[in-house]
C-alpha atoms as a PDB file:
ATOM      1  CA  ILE A   1     -12.177 -22.601  30.377  1.00  0.00           C
ATOM      2  CA  ALA A   2     -14.694 -20.854  32.629  1.00  0.00           C
ATOM      3  CA  VAL A   3     -17.570 -22.598  30.853  1.00  0.00           C
ATOM      4  CA  GLU A   4     -16.071 -25.996  31.627  1.00  0.00           C
ATOM      5  CA  PHE A   5     -14.814 -25.121  35.126  1.00  0.00           C
ATOM      6  CA  PRO A   6     -16.950 -22.286  36.607  1.00  0.00           C
ATOM      7  CA  TRP A   7     -15.173 -22.528  39.959  1.00  0.00           C
ATOM      8  CA  LEU A   8     -12.098 -21.013  38.218  1.00  0.00           C
ATOM      9  CA  ILE A   9     -13.880 -17.711  37.446  1.00  0.00           C
ATOM     10  CA  PRO A  10     -12.239 -15.761  40.334  1.00  0.00           C
ATOM     11  CA  LEU A  11      -8.783 -16.906  39.172  1.00  0.00           C
ATOM     12  CA  ILE A  12      -9.597 -16.054  35.557  1.00  0.00           C
ATOM     13  CA  ARG A  13     -10.715 -12.538  36.543  1.00  0.00           C
ATOM     14  CA  LEU A  14      -7.471 -12.092  38.470  1.00  0.00           C
ATOM     15  CA  LEU A  15      -5.401 -13.233  35.478  1.00  0.00           C
ATOM     16  CA  ILE A  16      -7.271 -10.894  33.122  1.00  0.00           C
ATOM     17  CA  LYS A  17      -6.357  -7.942  35.358  1.00  0.00           C
ATOM     18  CA  ALA A  18      -2.723  -9.045  35.663  1.00  0.00           C
ATOM     19  CA  PRO A  19      -0.160  -6.826  33.909  1.00  0.00           C
ATOM     20  CA  ARG A  20       1.574  -8.182  30.832  1.00  0.00           C
ATOM     21  CA  ASN A  21       5.052  -9.410  31.612  1.00  0.00           C
ATOM     22  CA  ARG A  22       7.159 -12.504  31.054  1.00  0.00           C
ATOM     23  CA  VAL A  23       5.736 -14.401  34.041  1.00  0.00           C
ATOM     24  CA  VAL A  24       2.089 -13.754  33.167  1.00  0.00           C
ATOM     25  CA  ASP A  25       2.693 -14.509  29.483  1.00  0.00           C
ATOM     26  CA  THR A  26       4.370 -17.798  30.432  1.00  0.00           C
ATOM     27  CA  LEU A  27       1.465 -18.644  32.720  1.00  0.00           C
ATOM     28  CA  TYR A  28      -1.022 -17.909  29.912  1.00  0.00           C
ATOM     29  CA  TRP A  29       1.025 -20.095  27.558  1.00  0.00           C
ATOM     30  CA  TRP A  30       0.928 -23.014  29.998  1.00  0.00           C
ATOM     31  CA  VAL A  31      -2.804 -22.609  30.641  1.00  0.00           C
ATOM     32  CA  HIS A  32      -3.432 -22.528  26.893  1.00  0.00           C
ATOM     33  CA  LYS A  33      -1.282 -25.595  26.203  1.00  0.00           C
ATOM     34  CA  LEU A  34      -2.731 -27.620  29.092  1.00  0.00           C
ATOM     35  CA  TRP A  35      -6.315 -26.742  28.192  1.00  0.00           C
ATOM     36  CA  LYS A  36      -5.805 -27.467  24.499  1.00  0.00           C
ATOM     37  CA  GLY A  37      -4.080 -30.772  25.266  1.00  0.00           C
ATOM     38  CA  TRP A  38      -6.830 -31.784  27.678  1.00  0.00           C
ATOM     39  CA  ALA A  39      -9.563 -30.874  25.196  1.00  0.00           C
ATOM     40  CA  ILE A  40      -7.903 -32.769  22.357  1.00  0.00           C
ATOM     41  CA  THR A  41      -7.329 -35.926  24.416  1.00  0.00           C
ATOM     42  CA  ARG A  42     -10.783 -35.891  26.024  1.00  0.00           C
ATOM     43  CA  ARG A  43     -13.001 -34.552  23.255  1.00  0.00           C
ATOM     44  CA  VAL A  44     -11.391 -34.721  19.834  1.00  0.00           C
ATOM     45  CA  HIS A  45      -9.623 -38.076  20.177  1.00  0.00           C
ATOM     46  CA  PRO A  46     -11.102 -39.808  23.261  1.00  0.00           C
ATOM     47  CA  VAL A  47      -9.006 -42.982  23.249  1.00  0.00           C
ATOM     48  CA  LYS A  48      -7.040 -44.751  25.968  1.00  0.00           C
ATOM     49  CA  ILE A  49      -3.437 -43.612  26.004  1.00  0.00           C
ATOM     50  CA  THR A  50      -0.507 -45.465  27.548  1.00  0.00           C
ATOM     51  CA  PRO A  51       1.941 -43.510  29.742  1.00  0.00           C
ATOM     52  CA  LYS A  52       4.645 -43.838  27.066  1.00  0.00           C
ATOM     53  CA  LEU A  53       2.346 -42.456  24.373  1.00  0.00           C
ATOM     54  CA  LEU A  54       1.214 -39.669  26.718  1.00  0.00           C
ATOM     55  CA  TRP A  55       4.841 -38.654  27.319  1.00  0.00           C
ATOM     56  CA  THR A  56       5.652 -38.722  23.593  1.00  0.00           C
ATOM     57  CA  ASN A  57       2.571 -36.689  22.703  1.00  0.00           C
ATOM     58  CA  ALA A  58       3.217 -34.153  25.486  1.00  0.00           C
ATOM     59  CA  ARG A  59       6.800 -33.597  24.312  1.00  0.00           C
ATOM     60  CA  HIS A  60       5.635 -33.145  20.725  1.00  0.00           C
ATOM     61  CA  PHE A  61       2.772 -30.832  21.751  1.00  0.00           C
ATOM     62  CA  LEU A  62       4.983 -28.561  23.882  1.00  0.00           C
ATOM     63  CA  LYS A  63       7.456 -28.129  21.012  1.00  0.00           C
ATOM     64  CA  MET A  64       4.720 -26.724  18.761  1.00  0.00           C
ATOM     65  CA  GLU A  65       4.124 -22.982  18.466  1.00  0.00           C
ATOM     66  CA  ALA A  66       0.976 -21.525  20.033  1.00  0.00           C
END
């Protein structure tokens, strides 16, 4: 993520130092899912997506295990 968005480096360093607990783990999960979803839609399958298809894909993607 830092390679793509270098302005996030201070936040990434802060998250690396954060203790492991339910909140931090949930935050990491969301960051992972959002980044992976963004990368797939922008790089792997760069096609135009309708709002309905975006909603359907997001629901399906969030149900998958990490």
